[in-house]
Amino acid sequence: MKPKKLTEADVTAESVFMLQRRQVLKNAGD
């Protein structure tokens, strides 16, 4: 099974998700 090629939308959604997670973790750490 070939790795699925990520579409631009998938990459963007993942980037946003990671940014939000980092923000939440940063807020939780304060």
PDB file of N, CA and C in Angstrom:
ATOM      1  N   MET A   1       0.836  -1.200   0.000  1.00  0.00           N
ATOM      2  CA  MET A   1       0.000   0.000   0.000  1.00  0.00           C
ATOM      3  C   MET A   1       0.876   1.258   0.000  1.00  0.00           C
ATOM      4  N   LYS A   2       0.685   2.088  -0.995  1.00  0.00           N
ATOM      5  CA  LYS A   2       1.473   3.326  -1.069  1.00  0.00           C
ATOM      6  C   LYS A   2       1.015   4.317  -0.006  1.00  0.00           C
ATOM      7  N   PRO A   3       1.916   5.105   0.521  1.00  0.00           N
ATOM      8  CA  PRO A   3       1.491   6.177   1.425  1.00  0.00           C
ATOM      9  C   PRO A   3       0.611   7.152   0.662  1.00  0.00           C
ATOM     10  N   LYS A   4      -0.476   7.558   1.285  1.00  0.00           N
ATOM     11  CA  LYS A   4      -1.399   8.486   0.632  1.00  0.00           C
ATOM     12  C   LYS A   4      -0.728   9.837   0.445  1.00  0.00           C
ATOM     13  N   LYS A   5      -0.869  10.384  -0.751  1.00  0.00           N
ATOM     14  CA  LYS A   5      -0.297  11.711  -1.001  1.00  0.00           C
ATOM     15  C   LYS A   5      -1.174  12.750  -0.317  1.00  0.00           C
ATOM     16  N   LEU A   6      -0.548  13.550   0.523  1.00  0.00           N
ATOM     17  CA  LEU A   6      -1.313  14.565   1.241  1.00  0.00           C
ATOM     18  C   LEU A   6      -1.709  15.685   0.293  1.00  0.00           C
ATOM     19  N   THR A   7      -2.974  16.069   0.388  1.00  0.00           N
ATOM     20  CA  THR A   7      -3.417  17.209  -0.402  1.00  0.00           C
ATOM     21  C   THR A   7      -3.102  18.472   0.366  1.00  0.00           C
ATOM     22  N   GLU A   8      -3.191  19.606  -0.302  1.00  0.00           N
ATOM     23  CA  GLU A   8      -2.890  20.869   0.359  1.00  0.00           C
ATOM     24  C   GLU A   8      -3.830  21.070   1.536  1.00  0.00           C
ATOM     25  N   ALA A   9      -5.082  20.680   1.369  1.00  0.00           N
ATOM     26  CA  ALA A   9      -6.075  20.845   2.438  1.00  0.00           C
ATOM     27  C   ALA A   9      -5.676  20.026   3.656  1.00  0.00           C
ATOM     28  N   ASP A  10      -5.222  18.788   3.431  1.00  0.00           N
ATOM     29  CA  ASP A  10      -4.818  17.922   4.547  1.00  0.00           C
ATOM     30  C   ASP A  10      -3.654  18.554   5.305  1.00  0.00           C
ATOM     31  N   VAL A  11      -2.684  19.041   4.566  1.00  0.00           N
ATOM     32  CA  VAL A  11      -1.500  19.638   5.188  1.00  0.00           C
ATOM     33  C   VAL A  11      -1.893  20.874   5.987  1.00  0.00           C
ATOM     34  N   THR A  12      -2.753  21.698   5.398  1.00  0.00           N
ATOM     35  CA  THR A  12      -3.185  22.924   6.081  1.00  0.00           C
ATOM     36  C   THR A  12      -3.932  22.589   7.354  1.00  0.00           C
ATOM     37  N   ALA A  13      -4.852  21.636   7.268  1.00  0.00           N
ATOM     38  CA  ALA A  13      -5.642  21.248   8.438  1.00  0.00           C
ATOM     39  C   ALA A  13      -4.724  20.738   9.533  1.00  0.00           C
ATOM     40  N   GLU A  14      -3.722  19.948   9.140  1.00  0.00           N
ATOM     41  CA  GLU A  14      -2.803  19.395  10.139  1.00  0.00           C
ATOM     42  C   GLU A  14      -1.973  20.509  10.771  1.00  0.00           C
ATOM     43  N   SER A  15      -1.549  21.466   9.957  1.00  0.00           N
ATOM     44  CA  SER A  15      -0.758  22.583  10.482  1.00  0.00           C
ATOM     45  C   SER A  15      -1.565  23.376  11.494  1.00  0.00           C
ATOM     46  N   VAL A  16      -2.822  23.666  11.147  1.00  0.00           N
ATOM     47  CA  VAL A  16      -3.695  24.419  12.050  1.00  0.00           C
ATOM     48  C   VAL A  16      -3.887  23.645  13.338  1.00  0.00           C
ATOM     49  N   PHE A  17      -4.115  22.328  13.206  1.00  0.00           N
ATOM     50  CA  PHE A  17      -4.322  21.480  14.377  1.00  0.00           C
ATOM     51  C   PHE A  17      -3.102  21.524  15.289  1.00  0.00           C
ATOM     52  N   MET A  18      -1.923  21.417  14.696  1.00  0.00           N
ATOM     53  CA  MET A  18      -0.690  21.424  15.493  1.00  0.00           C
ATOM     54  C   MET A  18      -0.485  22.779  16.167  1.00  0.00           C
ATOM     55  N   LEU A  19      -0.786  23.857  15.442  1.00  0.00           N
ATOM     56  CA  LEU A  19      -0.641  25.191  16.030  1.00  0.00           C
ATOM     57  C   LEU A  19      -1.578  25.352  17.215  1.00  0.00           C
ATOM     58  N   GLN A  20      -2.819  24.897  17.049  1.00  0.00           N
ATOM     59  CA  GLN A  20      -3.796  25.006  18.134  1.00  0.00           C
ATOM     60  C   GLN A  20      -3.336  24.197  19.333  1.00  0.00           C
ATOM     61  N   ARG A  21      -2.845  22.988  19.079  1.00  0.00           N
ATOM     62  CA  ARG A  21      -2.374  22.134  20.172  1.00  0.00           C
ATOM     63  C   ARG A  21      -1.239  22.815  20.934  1.00  0.00           C
ATOM     64  N   ARG A  22      -0.303  23.387  20.184  1.00  0.00           N
ATOM     65  CA  ARG A  22       0.838  24.046  20.809  1.00  0.00           C
ATOM     66  C   ARG A  22       0.347  25.214  21.660  1.00  0.00           C
ATOM     67  N   GLN A  23      -0.631  25.948  21.128  1.00  0.00           N
ATOM     68  CA  GLN A  23      -1.176  27.091  21.852  1.00  0.00           C
ATOM     69  C   GLN A  23      -1.843  26.630  23.140  1.00  0.00           C
ATOM     70  N   VAL A  24      -2.645  25.564  23.052  1.00  0.00           N
ATOM     71  CA  VAL A  24      -3.345  25.035  24.227  1.00  0.00           C
ATOM     72  C   VAL A  24      -2.339  24.566  25.267  1.00  0.00           C
ATOM     73  N   LEU A  25      -1.310  23.844  24.818  1.00  0.00           N
ATOM     74  CA  LEU A  25      -0.303  23.340  25.752  1.00  0.00           C
ATOM     75  C   LEU A  25       0.432  24.500  26.414  1.00  0.00           C
ATOM     76  N   LYS A  26       0.713  25.545  25.638  1.00  0.00           N
ATOM     77  CA  LYS A  26       1.419  26.703  26.185  1.00  0.00           C
ATOM     78  C   LYS A  26       0.554  27.371  27.251  1.00  0.00           C
ATOM     79  N   ASN A  27      -0.747  27.515  26.946  1.00  0.00           N
ATOM     80  CA  ASN A  27      -1.664  28.130  27.906  1.00  0.00           C
ATOM     81  C   ASN A  27      -1.776  27.277  29.162  1.00  0.00           C
ATOM     82  N   ALA A  28      -1.810  25.963  28.988  1.00  0.00           N
ATOM     83  CA  ALA A  28      -1.939  25.053  30.128  1.00  0.00           C
ATOM     84  C   ALA A  28      -0.683  25.127  30.995  1.00  0.00           C
ATOM     85  N   GLY A  29       0.466  25.390  30.368  1.00  0.00           N
ATOM     86  CA  GLY A  29       1.723  25.430  31.103  1.00  0.00           C
ATOM     87  C   GLY A  29       1.857  26.678  31.965  1.00  0.00           C
ATOM     88  N   ASP A  30       1.160  27.749  31.577  1.00  0.00           N
ATOM     89  CA  ASP A  30       1.284  28.999  32.340  1.00  0.00           C
ATOM     90  C   ASP A  30       0.559  28.945  33.660  1.00  0.00           C
TER      91      ASP A  30
END
